[in-house]
Protein backbone atom coordinates (compact mmCIF):
# COMPACT_ATOMS: atom_id res chain seq x y z
CA MET A 1 20.61 -42.33 -42.52
CA THR A 2 20.92 -39.37 -44.85
CA VAL A 3 18.94 -36.22 -44.04
CA THR A 4 18.67 -33.35 -46.52
CA ASP A 5 17.18 -29.87 -46.21
CA LEU A 6 14.35 -30.20 -48.71
CA PRO A 7 16.37 -30.41 -51.93
CA LYS A 8 14.69 -29.69 -55.21
CA ALA A 9 12.86 -32.54 -56.88
CA PRO A 10 14.28 -33.84 -60.18
CA THR A 11 13.31 -31.65 -63.11
CA ASN A 12 14.53 -33.70 -66.05
CA LEU A 13 11.39 -35.74 -66.64
CA PRO A 14 10.22 -35.59 -70.26
CA HIS A 15 7.45 -33.12 -71.09
CA ALA A 16 7.38 -31.71 -67.58
CA HIS A 17 8.88 -28.89 -65.62
CA HIS A 18 9.18 -28.13 -61.94
CA ASP A 19 6.44 -25.71 -60.88
CA ILE A 20 6.52 -24.24 -57.37
CA ASP A 21 3.60 -22.18 -56.18
CA GLU A 22 3.50 -19.89 -53.14
CA HIS A 23 4.38 -22.88 -50.94
CA ASP A 24 8.07 -22.86 -51.72
CA ASP A 25 8.52 -26.52 -50.89
CA VAL A 26 5.67 -27.97 -52.95
CA HIS A 27 7.29 -30.25 -55.47
CA VAL A 28 4.74 -30.72 -58.22
CA LEU A 29 5.99 -32.01 -61.53
CA TYR A 30 3.57 -30.26 -63.84
CA SER A 31 2.96 -31.07 -67.49
CA HIS A 32 1.45 -28.65 -69.98
CA ASP A 33 0.05 -31.52 -72.05
CA HIS A 34 -3.61 -30.90 -71.26
CA GLU A 35 -6.08 -33.74 -71.42
CA PRO A 36 -9.85 -33.38 -71.67
CA VAL A 37 -11.44 -33.71 -68.25
CA GLU A 38 -14.04 -36.44 -68.29
CA GLU A 39 -16.96 -36.79 -65.94
CA VAL A 40 -17.12 -39.56 -63.39
CA GLY A 41 -19.55 -42.27 -64.43
CA ASN A 42 -22.63 -43.16 -62.43
CA ASN A 43 -21.20 -46.61 -61.64
CA VAL A 44 -18.21 -45.03 -59.87
CA LYS A 45 -20.52 -42.71 -57.94
CA LEU A 46 -22.67 -45.67 -56.92
CA LEU A 47 -19.65 -47.59 -55.61
CA THR A 48 -18.50 -44.47 -53.76
CA LEU A 49 -21.95 -44.06 -52.21
CA ILE A 50 -21.89 -47.67 -51.02
CA ALA A 51 -18.42 -47.21 -49.51
CA VAL A 52 -19.58 -44.10 -47.67
CA VAL A 53 -23.06 -45.16 -46.48
CA VAL A 54 -22.76 -48.89 -45.77
CA PRO A 55 -19.81 -48.94 -43.27
CA PRO A 56 -21.46 -46.72 -40.60
CA VAL A 57 -24.59 -48.86 -40.82
CA VAL A 58 -22.46 -51.99 -40.43
CA LEU A 59 -20.72 -50.41 -37.44
CA ALA A 60 -24.02 -49.58 -35.71
CA VAL A 61 -25.43 -53.08 -36.26
CA SER A 62 -22.15 -54.73 -35.20
CA ILE A 63 -22.01 -52.78 -31.94
CA TRP A 64 -25.57 -53.91 -31.17
CA TYR A 65 -24.76 -57.57 -31.84
CA ALA A 66 -21.42 -57.37 -30.01
CA TRP A 67 -23.35 -57.38 -26.73
CA GLY A 68 -24.78 -60.73 -27.73
CA GLY A 69 -21.39 -62.38 -28.13
CA TYR A 70 -20.73 -61.53 -31.77
CA PHE A 71 -17.36 -59.99 -30.99
CA SER A 72 -14.03 -61.37 -29.79
CA TRP A 73 -10.54 -60.27 -28.89
CA THR A 74 -9.48 -61.54 -32.29
CA ASP A 75 -11.86 -59.10 -33.98
CA LEU A 76 -10.61 -56.18 -31.85
CA THR A 77 -6.98 -57.08 -32.55
CA MET A 78 -7.53 -57.30 -36.30
CA MET A 79 -9.39 -54.00 -36.35
CA ILE A 80 -6.60 -52.20 -34.47
CA VAL A 81 -3.73 -53.82 -36.37
CA GLY A 82 -5.52 -53.24 -39.67
CA TYR A 83 -6.14 -49.60 -38.74
CA PHE A 84 -2.46 -49.00 -38.06
CA MET A 85 -1.24 -50.90 -41.12
CA THR A 86 -3.54 -49.25 -43.64
CA SER A 87 -3.29 -45.80 -42.05
CA MET A 88 0.49 -46.00 -42.23
CA GLY A 89 0.16 -47.19 -45.80
CA ILE A 90 -1.62 -43.92 -46.57
CA THR A 91 0.58 -41.62 -44.50
CA ILE A 92 3.99 -43.14 -45.20
CA GLY A 93 3.31 -44.70 -48.60
CA TYR A 94 0.70 -42.81 -50.56
CA HIS A 95 1.45 -39.43 -48.94
CA ARG A 96 5.03 -38.91 -47.85
CA LEU A 97 6.78 -41.35 -50.20
CA TYR A 98 4.86 -41.32 -53.50
CA THR A 99 3.18 -37.89 -53.42
CA HIS A 100 5.85 -35.69 -51.82
CA LYS A 101 8.97 -37.84 -52.26
CA SER A 102 9.98 -37.01 -48.70
CA PHE A 103 12.42 -39.92 -48.61
CA GLU A 104 13.71 -42.78 -50.71
CA ALA A 105 12.65 -46.30 -49.80
CA SER A 106 14.00 -49.74 -50.53
CA ALA A 107 11.87 -51.90 -52.82
CA PRO A 108 10.28 -53.95 -50.00
CA VAL A 109 9.25 -50.79 -48.12
CA ALA A 110 7.96 -49.07 -51.26
CA TRP A 111 5.87 -52.12 -52.22
CA ALA A 112 4.56 -52.74 -48.70
CA ALA A 113 3.65 -49.07 -48.15
CA GLY A 114 1.86 -48.83 -51.49
CA ILE A 115 -0.07 -52.08 -50.96
CA CYS A 116 -1.10 -51.22 -47.40
CA GLY A 117 -2.22 -47.79 -48.61
CA SER A 118 -4.32 -49.43 -51.29
CA MET A 119 -5.94 -51.67 -48.69
CA ALA A 120 -7.25 -48.52 -46.99
CA VAL A 121 -9.67 -48.26 -49.94
CA GLN A 122 -9.07 -44.59 -50.69
CA GLY A 123 -8.54 -44.99 -54.41
CA PRO A 124 -5.71 -46.21 -56.65
CA LEU A 125 -2.27 -44.79 -55.93
CA LEU A 126 -2.08 -42.60 -59.07
CA TRP A 127 -5.52 -41.11 -58.39
CA TRP A 128 -4.62 -40.35 -54.77
CA VAL A 129 -1.31 -38.69 -55.67
CA THR A 130 -2.97 -36.60 -58.38
CA THR A 131 -5.75 -35.46 -56.06
CA HIS A 132 -3.37 -34.52 -53.26
CA ARG A 133 -0.95 -32.62 -55.46
CA ARG A 134 -3.86 -30.70 -56.92
CA HIS A 135 -4.94 -29.89 -53.35
CA HIS A 136 -1.51 -28.45 -52.51
CA LEU A 137 -1.22 -26.47 -55.73
CA HIS A 138 -4.64 -24.86 -55.16
CA SER A 139 -5.00 -25.17 -51.38
CA ASP A 140 -8.20 -23.48 -50.20
CA ASP A 141 -8.92 -21.80 -53.52
CA ILE A 142 -11.72 -22.68 -55.92
CA GLU A 143 -9.72 -25.44 -57.67
CA ASP A 144 -8.92 -27.25 -54.42
CA PRO A 145 -10.78 -30.60 -54.60
CA HIS A 146 -11.81 -30.51 -50.95
CA SER A 147 -11.55 -27.07 -49.35
CA PRO A 148 -14.05 -26.16 -46.60
CA HIS A 149 -13.47 -22.47 -47.40
CA ALA A 150 -13.40 -21.89 -51.17
CA GLY A 151 -16.81 -20.82 -52.45
CA ARG A 152 -18.41 -21.12 -49.01
CA GLN A 153 -21.76 -19.38 -48.66
CA LYS A 154 -22.62 -17.28 -45.61
CA GLY A 155 -24.49 -18.61 -42.60
CA ILE A 156 -24.70 -21.91 -40.80
CA ILE A 157 -26.15 -23.70 -43.82
CA GLY A 158 -23.24 -22.55 -45.96
CA TRP A 159 -20.79 -23.70 -43.28
CA VAL A 160 -22.39 -27.15 -43.00
CA ARG A 161 -22.44 -27.60 -46.77
CA SER A 162 -18.78 -26.58 -47.10
CA PHE A 163 -17.68 -28.82 -44.23
CA SER A 164 -19.63 -31.76 -45.67
CA HIS A 165 -18.07 -31.16 -49.07
CA SER A 166 -14.53 -31.08 -47.69
CA HIS A 167 -15.09 -34.19 -45.58
CA VAL A 168 -16.87 -36.51 -47.99
CA GLY A 169 -18.94 -34.64 -50.58
CA TRP A 170 -15.95 -33.98 -52.85
CA LEU A 171 -15.80 -37.71 -53.57
CA PHE A 172 -18.93 -37.31 -55.68
CA SER A 173 -17.52 -34.52 -57.83
CA ASN A 174 -18.08 -34.76 -61.58
CA ASP A 175 -14.43 -33.96 -62.28
CA ASP A 176 -12.51 -37.11 -63.05
CA ILE A 177 -9.26 -36.14 -61.34
CA ALA A 178 -7.72 -39.38 -62.56
CA SER A 179 -7.72 -37.90 -66.06
CA SER A 180 -5.28 -35.27 -64.76
CA VAL A 181 -2.57 -37.77 -63.80
CA LYS A 182 -0.50 -36.66 -66.78
CA LYS A 183 -0.76 -33.07 -65.59
CA TYR A 184 -0.13 -33.45 -61.87
CA ALA A 185 1.80 -36.72 -61.47
CA PRO A 186 3.79 -37.60 -64.61
CA ASP A 187 6.75 -38.71 -62.47
CA VAL A 188 4.68 -41.22 -60.50
CA ALA A 189 2.93 -42.42 -63.67
CA ALA A 190 6.38 -43.11 -65.12
CA ASP A 191 7.33 -45.32 -62.16
CA PRO A 192 6.68 -49.01 -63.04
CA ARG A 193 6.21 -49.96 -59.39
CA ALA A 194 3.67 -47.19 -58.77
CA ARG A 195 1.80 -48.10 -61.97
CA MET A 196 1.62 -51.76 -60.98
CA ILE A 197 0.42 -50.98 -57.45
CA SER A 198 -2.22 -48.66 -58.88
CA LYS A 199 -3.31 -51.13 -61.57
CA LEU A 200 -3.77 -53.93 -59.02
CA PHE A 201 -5.81 -51.74 -56.67
CA PRO A 202 -8.89 -54.05 -56.78
CA LEU A 203 -6.71 -56.98 -55.73
CA TRP A 204 -5.24 -55.12 -52.76
CA VAL A 205 -8.72 -53.99 -51.68
CA LEU A 206 -9.96 -57.58 -51.85
CA MET A 207 -6.99 -58.73 -49.78
CA GLY A 208 -7.87 -56.13 -47.15
CA PHE A 209 -11.16 -57.95 -46.57
CA ILE A 210 -10.14 -61.55 -47.24
CA VAL A 211 -7.10 -61.65 -44.92
CA PRO A 212 -9.00 -60.71 -41.72
CA ALA A 213 -11.82 -63.05 -42.72
CA VAL A 214 -9.39 -65.96 -43.11
CA ILE A 215 -7.65 -65.14 -39.82
CA GLY A 216 -10.99 -64.88 -38.04
CA GLY A 217 -12.08 -68.22 -39.43
CA LEU A 218 -8.85 -69.93 -38.41
CA VAL A 219 -8.54 -68.42 -34.93
CA ASP A 220 -12.17 -68.28 -33.80
CA GLY A 221 -13.32 -71.13 -35.98
CA GLY A 222 -16.04 -71.55 -38.60
CA TRP A 223 -18.01 -69.15 -40.75
CA LYS A 224 -18.96 -66.99 -37.78
CA GLY A 225 -15.32 -66.18 -37.05
CA ALA A 226 -14.66 -65.52 -40.74
CA PHE A 227 -17.68 -63.22 -41.04
CA LEU A 228 -16.80 -61.23 -37.93
CA GLY A 229 -13.19 -60.95 -39.13
CA PHE A 230 -14.49 -59.56 -42.42
CA VAL A 231 -16.74 -57.07 -40.61
CA TRP A 232 -14.38 -55.81 -37.88
CA GLY A 233 -11.03 -56.25 -39.60
CA GLY A 234 -12.36 -55.18 -42.98
CA VAL A 235 -15.43 -52.99 -43.16
CA ILE A 236 -15.25 -51.23 -39.78
CA ARG A 237 -11.48 -50.81 -40.02
CA MET A 238 -11.99 -49.19 -43.44
CA PHE A 239 -14.65 -46.87 -42.01
CA LEU A 240 -12.38 -45.64 -39.21
CA VAL A 241 -9.41 -45.03 -41.52
CA HIS A 242 -11.61 -43.24 -44.05
CA HIS A 243 -12.88 -40.72 -41.55
CA ALA A 244 -9.48 -40.17 -39.96
CA THR A 245 -8.08 -39.31 -43.40
CA TRP A 246 -11.06 -37.22 -44.48
CA SER A 247 -10.84 -35.26 -41.23
CA ILE A 248 -7.46 -33.93 -42.37
CA ASN A 249 -9.26 -32.31 -45.31
CA SER A 250 -12.07 -30.89 -43.20
CA VAL A 251 -11.19 -30.62 -39.49
CA CYS A 252 -7.56 -29.66 -40.06
CA HIS A 253 -8.51 -26.74 -42.29
CA ILE A 254 -10.89 -25.32 -39.66
CA TRP A 255 -9.88 -26.18 -36.08
CA GLY A 256 -6.43 -25.90 -34.59
CA SER A 257 -3.47 -23.53 -34.51
CA ARG A 258 -1.15 -22.09 -37.13
CA THR A 259 2.56 -21.91 -36.40
CA TYR A 260 3.85 -21.22 -39.91
CA ARG A 261 2.81 -19.15 -42.91
CA SER A 262 1.37 -21.56 -45.46
CA GLY A 263 -0.85 -19.40 -47.67
CA ASP A 264 -4.01 -21.27 -46.71
CA HIS A 265 -6.20 -22.23 -43.73
CA SER A 266 -4.34 -25.39 -42.70
CA ARG A 267 -4.23 -26.05 -38.94
CA ASN A 268 -2.27 -28.15 -36.48
CA ASN A 269 -4.77 -30.33 -34.63
CA PRO A 270 -3.34 -32.47 -31.79
CA ILE A 271 -6.23 -34.95 -31.76
CA MET A 272 -5.87 -35.69 -35.46
CA GLY A 273 -2.12 -35.70 -35.02
CA ILE A 274 -2.59 -38.83 -32.93
CA LEU A 275 -5.52 -40.47 -34.74
CA ALA A 276 -4.07 -39.92 -38.23
CA MET A 277 -0.51 -41.05 -37.47
CA GLY A 278 0.97 -37.55 -37.50
CA GLU A 279 -1.00 -36.12 -40.41
CA GLY A 280 -2.91 -33.80 -38.09
CA TRP A 281 0.07 -31.44 -37.83
CA HIS A 282 -1.35 -30.06 -41.02
CA ASN A 283 -0.13 -26.48 -40.86
CA ASN A 284 3.41 -27.80 -40.50
CA HIS A 285 2.84 -30.00 -43.52
CA HIS A 286 1.46 -27.24 -45.71
CA ALA A 287 4.33 -24.96 -44.74
CA PHE A 288 6.87 -27.68 -45.57
CA PRO A 289 5.11 -30.23 -47.83
CA ALA A 290 8.26 -32.15 -48.75
CA SER A 291 9.23 -32.79 -45.13
CA ALA A 292 9.12 -36.42 -44.02
CA ARG A 293 8.39 -35.17 -40.51
CA HIS A 294 5.07 -33.42 -39.83
CA GLY A 295 5.31 -33.16 -36.05
CA LEU A 296 8.16 -30.66 -36.08
CA GLN A 297 8.23 -30.08 -32.31
CA TRP A 298 9.33 -32.76 -29.85
CA TRP A 299 5.87 -32.85 -28.29
CA GLN A 300 4.01 -33.19 -31.62
CA PHE A 301 3.53 -36.95 -31.78
CA ASP A 302 4.08 -38.24 -35.31
CA LEU A 303 4.01 -42.03 -35.48
CA SER A 304 4.66 -42.01 -39.22
CA TRP A 305 7.87 -40.05 -38.67
CA ILE A 306 8.95 -42.41 -35.87
CA THR A 307 8.42 -45.32 -38.25
CA ILE A 308 10.38 -43.63 -41.05
CA ARG A 309 13.26 -42.93 -38.66
CA SER A 310 13.19 -46.55 -37.48
CA LEU A 311 13.31 -47.83 -41.06
CA ALA A 312 16.20 -45.47 -41.77
CA ALA A 313 18.08 -46.82 -38.76
CA VAL A 314 18.20 -50.27 -40.38
CA GLY A 315 18.98 -48.94 -43.85
CA LEU A 316 15.57 -49.42 -45.46
CA VAL A 317 14.99 -45.67 -45.93
CA THR A 318 17.47 -43.03 -47.12
CA ARG A 319 17.65 -39.40 -48.27
CA ILE A 320 15.11 -38.10 -45.77
CA ARG A 321 13.96 -34.53 -46.37
CA LEU A 322 13.56 -32.15 -43.44
CA PRO A 323 13.25 -28.36 -43.25
CA GLY A 324 16.29 -26.53 -41.99
CA VAL A 325 16.26 -24.35 -38.89
CA GLU A 326 16.60 -21.12 -40.90
CA ARG A 327 13.73 -22.02 -43.21
CA MET A 328 11.47 -22.86 -40.29
CA ALA A 329 12.36 -19.60 -38.56
CA ALA A 330 11.65 -17.61 -41.74
CA LYS A 331 8.13 -19.04 -41.98
CA ARG A 332 7.25 -18.92 -38.30
CA ILE A 333 4.34 -16.62 -37.53
CA GLY A 334 5.62 -15.71 -34.09
CA ARG A 335 2.94 -16.77 -31.68
CA ALA A 336 0.80 -19.66 -32.83
CA VAL A 337 -2.59 -18.32 -33.92
CA ALA A 338 -5.95 -19.96 -34.36
């Protein structure tokens, strides 16, 4: 396993240069070839609304019917396994590998991580990378796609509106962030594997619902087993992963502690550190965005980092980026503050 102290990202991509903002480890390959920003169509907003509103309704109805026998150990197993697989696809694949290039992965790992991330139904890979890099470049300022602080009005109503925006409301923004791929993610757009994973996003999403339905039908038998597999292993699993991820945007910029100077309101939140596979150590991440490890202390549980280390142990992951001791000390606030 090779570990490096956050080396600089490659800067020789055509029509791009390496911009670093106040976060000295944010590796954003930024192009000055500006594209017109289009507005999101009503059909996309409608699909987004369905994805946001329908799952909690399905969850409520499913819990009610579960008492009547419409639930099995197979359903619970598929929901839990699917949660871990797709969450790790987001954290290890979409986030740490493709967005921040925190490590290099073998082809099987890179494909599997990208596909599992797509099955989380959080948007195509290129869109996700673009959105997240824009978030880091403008963290908690007015151009941040999902800040609970930028532009917040006074009072409880202003707080609720800002929190709602950062958690889910930003998904209905008129700005088509996908049109900024050339600006924020030209390196990922130039990667044939990343382009293919992103292009086949609808297929991966479909697989995320079909696979648990097929397993449910085979294990529990009949259409009832297939339907419950679709509901618990597909829809409800998607709902849980969605809100765990969205809570990083909202909860982890409001509640928790700050150990390092990051230039924004990011927080370390232990609960989300567990539920979101290590992503909840958000202040650590914003202080050292290119680090493959977010839980920088031994007691900060980071399942994504444990998985990356395990893959490295068998040679499937190399060139892992970690912050050096001196760099961490230079950014440390002193006593962790809220």
